């Protein structure tokens, strides 16, 4: 029973949740996982909670400027950021 619950938690936390969160905010699921792990390593549990909002902020800021738009495209889920820019 314990092994089954751990396996279920692992699958949900490592595969399903990042895909759902990434789709909802138009950020790559891989980058969602990376942000959680990276900021979690730097700041512990607090970093794990704020990793995705930091990633979304970074992607939004990069999408606004023409010089950093390629970074935003790399962070996006579908290869295109849908941010409104002032030309």
N, C-alpha and C. Protein backbone atom coordinates (compact mmCIF):
# COMPACT_ATOMS: atom_id res chain seq x y z
N UNK A 1 0.83 -1.20 0.00
CA UNK A 1 0.00 0.00 0.00
C UNK A 1 0.87 1.26 0.00
N UNK A 2 1.89 1.27 0.87
CA UNK A 2 2.76 2.44 0.98
C UNK A 2 3.52 2.69 -0.33
N UNK A 3 4.00 1.62 -0.95
CA UNK A 3 4.72 1.75 -2.21
C UNK A 3 3.80 2.26 -3.31
N UNK A 4 2.57 1.79 -3.33
CA UNK A 4 1.60 2.24 -4.32
C UNK A 4 1.29 3.72 -4.19
N UNK A 5 1.13 4.20 -2.96
CA UNK A 5 0.87 5.62 -2.74
C UNK A 5 2.07 6.48 -3.13
N UNK A 6 3.27 5.99 -2.81
CA UNK A 6 4.47 6.73 -3.20
C UNK A 6 4.61 6.80 -4.71
N UNK A 7 4.33 5.71 -5.37
CA UNK A 7 4.39 5.69 -6.83
C UNK A 7 3.36 6.64 -7.44
N UNK A 8 2.16 6.63 -6.91
CA UNK A 8 1.12 7.54 -7.38
C UNK A 8 1.52 9.00 -7.18
N UNK A 9 2.05 9.32 -6.01
CA UNK A 9 2.49 10.68 -5.72
C UNK A 9 3.62 11.09 -6.67
N UNK A 10 4.54 10.18 -6.94
CA UNK A 10 5.65 10.48 -7.85
C UNK A 10 5.15 10.77 -9.25
N UNK A 11 4.24 9.96 -9.75
CA UNK A 11 3.71 10.15 -11.11
C UNK A 11 2.94 11.47 -11.20
N UNK A 12 2.13 11.75 -10.23
CA UNK A 12 1.36 13.00 -10.25
C UNK A 12 2.28 14.20 -10.14
N UNK A 13 3.21 14.16 -9.19
CA UNK A 13 4.10 15.30 -8.96
C UNK A 13 5.14 15.52 -10.04
N UNK A 14 5.58 14.45 -10.69
CA UNK A 14 6.65 14.57 -11.67
C UNK A 14 6.17 14.64 -13.11
N UNK A 15 4.98 14.19 -13.38
CA UNK A 15 4.53 14.16 -14.77
C UNK A 15 3.24 14.94 -15.01
N UNK A 16 2.20 14.60 -14.29
CA UNK A 16 0.89 15.18 -14.56
C UNK A 16 0.82 16.65 -14.16
N UNK A 17 1.21 16.96 -12.94
CA UNK A 17 1.10 18.33 -12.45
C UNK A 17 1.92 19.34 -13.27
N UNK A 18 3.19 19.07 -13.61
CA UNK A 18 3.92 20.04 -14.45
C UNK A 18 3.28 20.24 -15.81
N UNK A 19 2.72 19.19 -16.40
CA UNK A 19 2.07 19.34 -17.70
C UNK A 19 0.83 20.22 -17.59
N UNK A 20 0.04 20.02 -16.55
CA UNK A 20 -1.17 20.82 -16.36
C UNK A 20 -0.80 22.27 -16.07
N UNK A 21 0.15 22.47 -15.17
CA UNK A 21 0.56 23.84 -14.82
C UNK A 21 1.20 24.53 -16.01
N UNK A 22 2.02 23.82 -16.76
CA UNK A 22 2.66 24.41 -17.93
C UNK A 22 1.67 24.81 -18.99
N UNK A 23 0.66 23.99 -19.21
CA UNK A 23 -0.37 24.30 -20.20
C UNK A 23 -1.22 25.49 -19.76
N UNK A 24 -1.51 25.55 -18.49
CA UNK A 24 -2.37 26.63 -17.98
C UNK A 24 -1.70 27.99 -18.10
N UNK A 25 -0.38 28.05 -17.97
CA UNK A 25 0.31 29.34 -18.01
C UNK A 25 1.15 29.51 -19.27
N UNK A 26 1.04 28.58 -20.23
CA UNK A 26 1.77 28.61 -21.50
C UNK A 26 3.28 28.62 -21.30
N UNK A 27 3.74 27.83 -20.35
CA UNK A 27 5.17 27.67 -20.11
C UNK A 27 5.47 26.18 -20.25
N UNK A 28 6.64 25.87 -20.75
CA UNK A 28 7.03 24.48 -20.96
C UNK A 28 6.97 23.68 -19.67
N UNK A 29 6.37 22.49 -19.69
CA UNK A 29 6.32 21.65 -18.49
C UNK A 29 7.72 21.33 -17.95
N UNK A 30 8.69 21.16 -18.85
CA UNK A 30 10.06 20.93 -18.39
C UNK A 30 10.58 22.12 -17.60
N UNK A 31 10.27 23.33 -18.07
CA UNK A 31 10.73 24.52 -17.37
C UNK A 31 10.03 24.68 -16.02
N UNK A 32 8.78 24.25 -15.92
CA UNK A 32 8.06 24.27 -14.64
C UNK A 32 8.78 23.37 -13.65
N UNK A 33 9.09 22.16 -14.07
CA UNK A 33 9.82 21.23 -13.20
C UNK A 33 11.19 21.78 -12.84
N UNK A 34 11.89 22.31 -13.83
CA UNK A 34 13.22 22.86 -13.58
C UNK A 34 13.16 24.02 -12.59
N UNK A 35 12.18 24.90 -12.74
CA UNK A 35 12.05 26.05 -11.84
C UNK A 35 11.78 25.60 -10.41
N UNK A 36 10.92 24.61 -10.24
CA UNK A 36 10.62 24.11 -8.89
C UNK A 36 11.87 23.51 -8.26
N UNK A 37 12.58 22.68 -9.01
CA UNK A 37 13.79 22.06 -8.46
C UNK A 37 14.90 23.08 -8.23
N UNK A 38 15.12 23.97 -9.18
CA UNK A 38 16.21 24.94 -9.06
C UNK A 38 16.00 25.87 -7.88
N UNK A 39 14.82 26.50 -7.82
CA UNK A 39 14.57 27.44 -6.71
C UNK A 39 14.41 26.70 -5.39
N UNK A 40 13.95 25.46 -5.44
CA UNK A 40 13.88 24.64 -4.23
C UNK A 40 15.26 24.34 -3.68
N UNK A 41 16.22 24.09 -4.57
CA UNK A 41 17.59 23.86 -4.13
C UNK A 41 18.21 25.13 -3.55
N UNK A 42 17.90 26.27 -4.16
CA UNK A 42 18.47 27.53 -3.67
C UNK A 42 17.85 28.00 -2.36
N UNK A 43 16.51 27.96 -2.27
CA UNK A 43 15.83 28.57 -1.13
C UNK A 43 15.00 27.59 -0.31
N UNK A 44 15.10 26.32 -0.61
CA UNK A 44 14.33 25.33 0.16
C UNK A 44 12.87 25.31 -0.25
N UNK A 45 12.03 25.01 0.70
CA UNK A 45 10.60 24.85 0.41
C UNK A 45 9.97 26.16 -0.08
N UNK A 46 10.43 27.28 0.43
CA UNK A 46 9.90 28.58 -0.04
C UNK A 46 10.23 28.79 -1.52
N UNK A 47 11.43 28.41 -1.92
CA UNK A 47 11.82 28.53 -3.32
C UNK A 47 11.01 27.63 -4.23
N UNK A 48 10.66 26.45 -3.73
CA UNK A 48 9.84 25.54 -4.52
C UNK A 48 8.45 26.13 -4.77
N UNK A 49 7.94 26.86 -3.80
CA UNK A 49 6.62 27.47 -3.97
C UNK A 49 6.64 28.68 -4.90
N UNK A 50 7.72 29.44 -4.90
CA UNK A 50 7.75 30.65 -5.74
C UNK A 50 8.52 30.46 -7.04
N UNK A 51 8.99 29.25 -7.31
CA UNK A 51 9.74 29.00 -8.54
C UNK A 51 8.93 29.24 -9.80
N UNK A 52 7.71 28.75 -9.85
CA UNK A 52 6.87 28.91 -11.04
C UNK A 52 6.46 30.37 -11.25
N UNK A 53 6.04 31.10 -10.20
CA UNK A 53 5.75 32.53 -10.43
C UNK A 53 6.96 33.32 -10.92
N UNK A 54 8.16 32.97 -10.44
CA UNK A 54 9.37 33.63 -10.94
C UNK A 54 9.56 33.31 -12.42
N UNK A 55 9.34 32.06 -12.80
CA UNK A 55 9.46 31.64 -14.20
C UNK A 55 8.46 32.38 -15.08
N UNK A 56 7.22 32.48 -14.63
CA UNK A 56 6.19 33.17 -15.41
C UNK A 56 6.55 34.65 -15.56
N UNK A 57 7.03 35.26 -14.50
CA UNK A 57 7.44 36.67 -14.56
C UNK A 57 8.58 36.86 -15.55
N UNK A 58 9.57 35.96 -15.49
CA UNK A 58 10.70 36.04 -16.40
C UNK A 58 10.24 35.89 -17.85
N UNK A 59 9.37 34.94 -18.12
CA UNK A 59 8.88 34.73 -19.48
C UNK A 59 8.09 35.94 -19.98
N UNK A 60 7.29 36.54 -19.11
CA UNK A 60 6.50 37.71 -19.49
C UNK A 60 7.38 38.91 -19.79
N UNK A 61 8.36 39.16 -18.94
CA UNK A 61 9.29 40.28 -19.16
C UNK A 61 10.09 40.06 -20.44
N UNK A 62 10.56 38.85 -20.66
CA UNK A 62 11.32 38.56 -21.88
C UNK A 62 10.46 38.69 -23.13
N UNK A 63 9.18 38.39 -23.04
CA UNK A 63 8.30 38.50 -24.20
C UNK A 63 8.02 39.95 -24.57
N UNK A 64 8.15 40.86 -23.62
CA UNK A 64 7.84 42.27 -23.88
C UNK A 64 8.93 42.97 -24.69
N UNK A 65 10.18 42.54 -24.56
CA UNK A 65 11.30 43.22 -25.22
C UNK A 65 11.74 42.43 -26.45
N UNK A 66 11.90 43.09 -27.57
CA UNK A 66 12.32 42.38 -28.79
C UNK A 66 13.68 41.68 -28.65
N UNK A 67 14.59 42.26 -27.89
CA UNK A 67 15.93 41.66 -27.77
C UNK A 67 15.93 40.38 -26.93
N UNK A 68 14.95 40.21 -26.06
CA UNK A 68 14.90 39.01 -25.22
C UNK A 68 13.76 38.06 -25.60
N UNK A 69 13.08 38.35 -26.69
CA UNK A 69 11.97 37.50 -27.11
C UNK A 69 12.39 36.07 -27.42
N UNK A 70 13.60 35.81 -27.95
CA UNK A 70 14.00 34.41 -28.15
C UNK A 70 14.05 33.61 -26.84
N UNK A 71 14.40 34.24 -25.75
CA UNK A 71 14.41 33.56 -24.45
C UNK A 71 12.98 33.20 -24.07
N UNK A 72 12.05 34.11 -24.30
CA UNK A 72 10.64 33.84 -23.99
C UNK A 72 10.11 32.69 -24.83
N UNK A 73 10.54 32.60 -26.08
CA UNK A 73 10.10 31.50 -26.94
C UNK A 73 10.64 30.18 -26.42
N UNK A 74 11.88 30.16 -25.93
CA UNK A 74 12.44 28.94 -25.36
C UNK A 74 11.70 28.51 -24.09
N UNK A 75 11.22 29.46 -23.31
CA UNK A 75 10.51 29.16 -22.08
C UNK A 75 9.06 28.74 -22.33
N UNK A 76 8.53 29.08 -23.49
CA UNK A 76 7.11 28.83 -23.75
C UNK A 76 6.83 27.37 -24.06
N UNK A 77 5.58 26.99 -23.91
CA UNK A 77 5.17 25.61 -24.14
C UNK A 77 5.04 25.29 -25.62
N UNK A 78 4.60 26.26 -26.42
CA UNK A 78 4.32 25.97 -27.82
C UNK A 78 5.26 26.71 -28.78
N UNK A 79 6.31 27.32 -28.27
CA UNK A 79 7.27 28.01 -29.13
C UNK A 79 6.88 29.43 -29.49
N UNK A 80 5.81 29.94 -28.91
CA UNK A 80 5.38 31.30 -29.19
C UNK A 80 4.79 31.91 -27.93
N UNK A 81 5.27 33.09 -27.58
CA UNK A 81 4.72 33.80 -26.44
C UNK A 81 3.60 34.69 -26.95
N UNK A 82 2.52 34.72 -26.23
CA UNK A 82 1.35 35.49 -26.66
C UNK A 82 1.26 36.79 -25.87
N UNK A 83 2.36 37.48 -25.75
CA UNK A 83 2.36 38.74 -25.00
C UNK A 83 2.13 39.89 -25.96
N UNK A 84 1.39 40.86 -25.52
CA UNK A 84 1.12 42.05 -26.32
C UNK A 84 2.32 42.97 -26.21
N UNK A 85 2.89 43.37 -27.32
CA UNK A 85 4.07 44.21 -27.29
C UNK A 85 3.77 45.55 -27.93
N UNK A 86 4.50 46.55 -27.52
CA UNK A 86 4.38 47.89 -28.11
C UNK A 86 5.46 48.03 -29.15
N UNK A 87 5.07 48.15 -30.39
CA UNK A 87 6.03 48.24 -31.48
C UNK A 87 6.34 49.66 -31.80
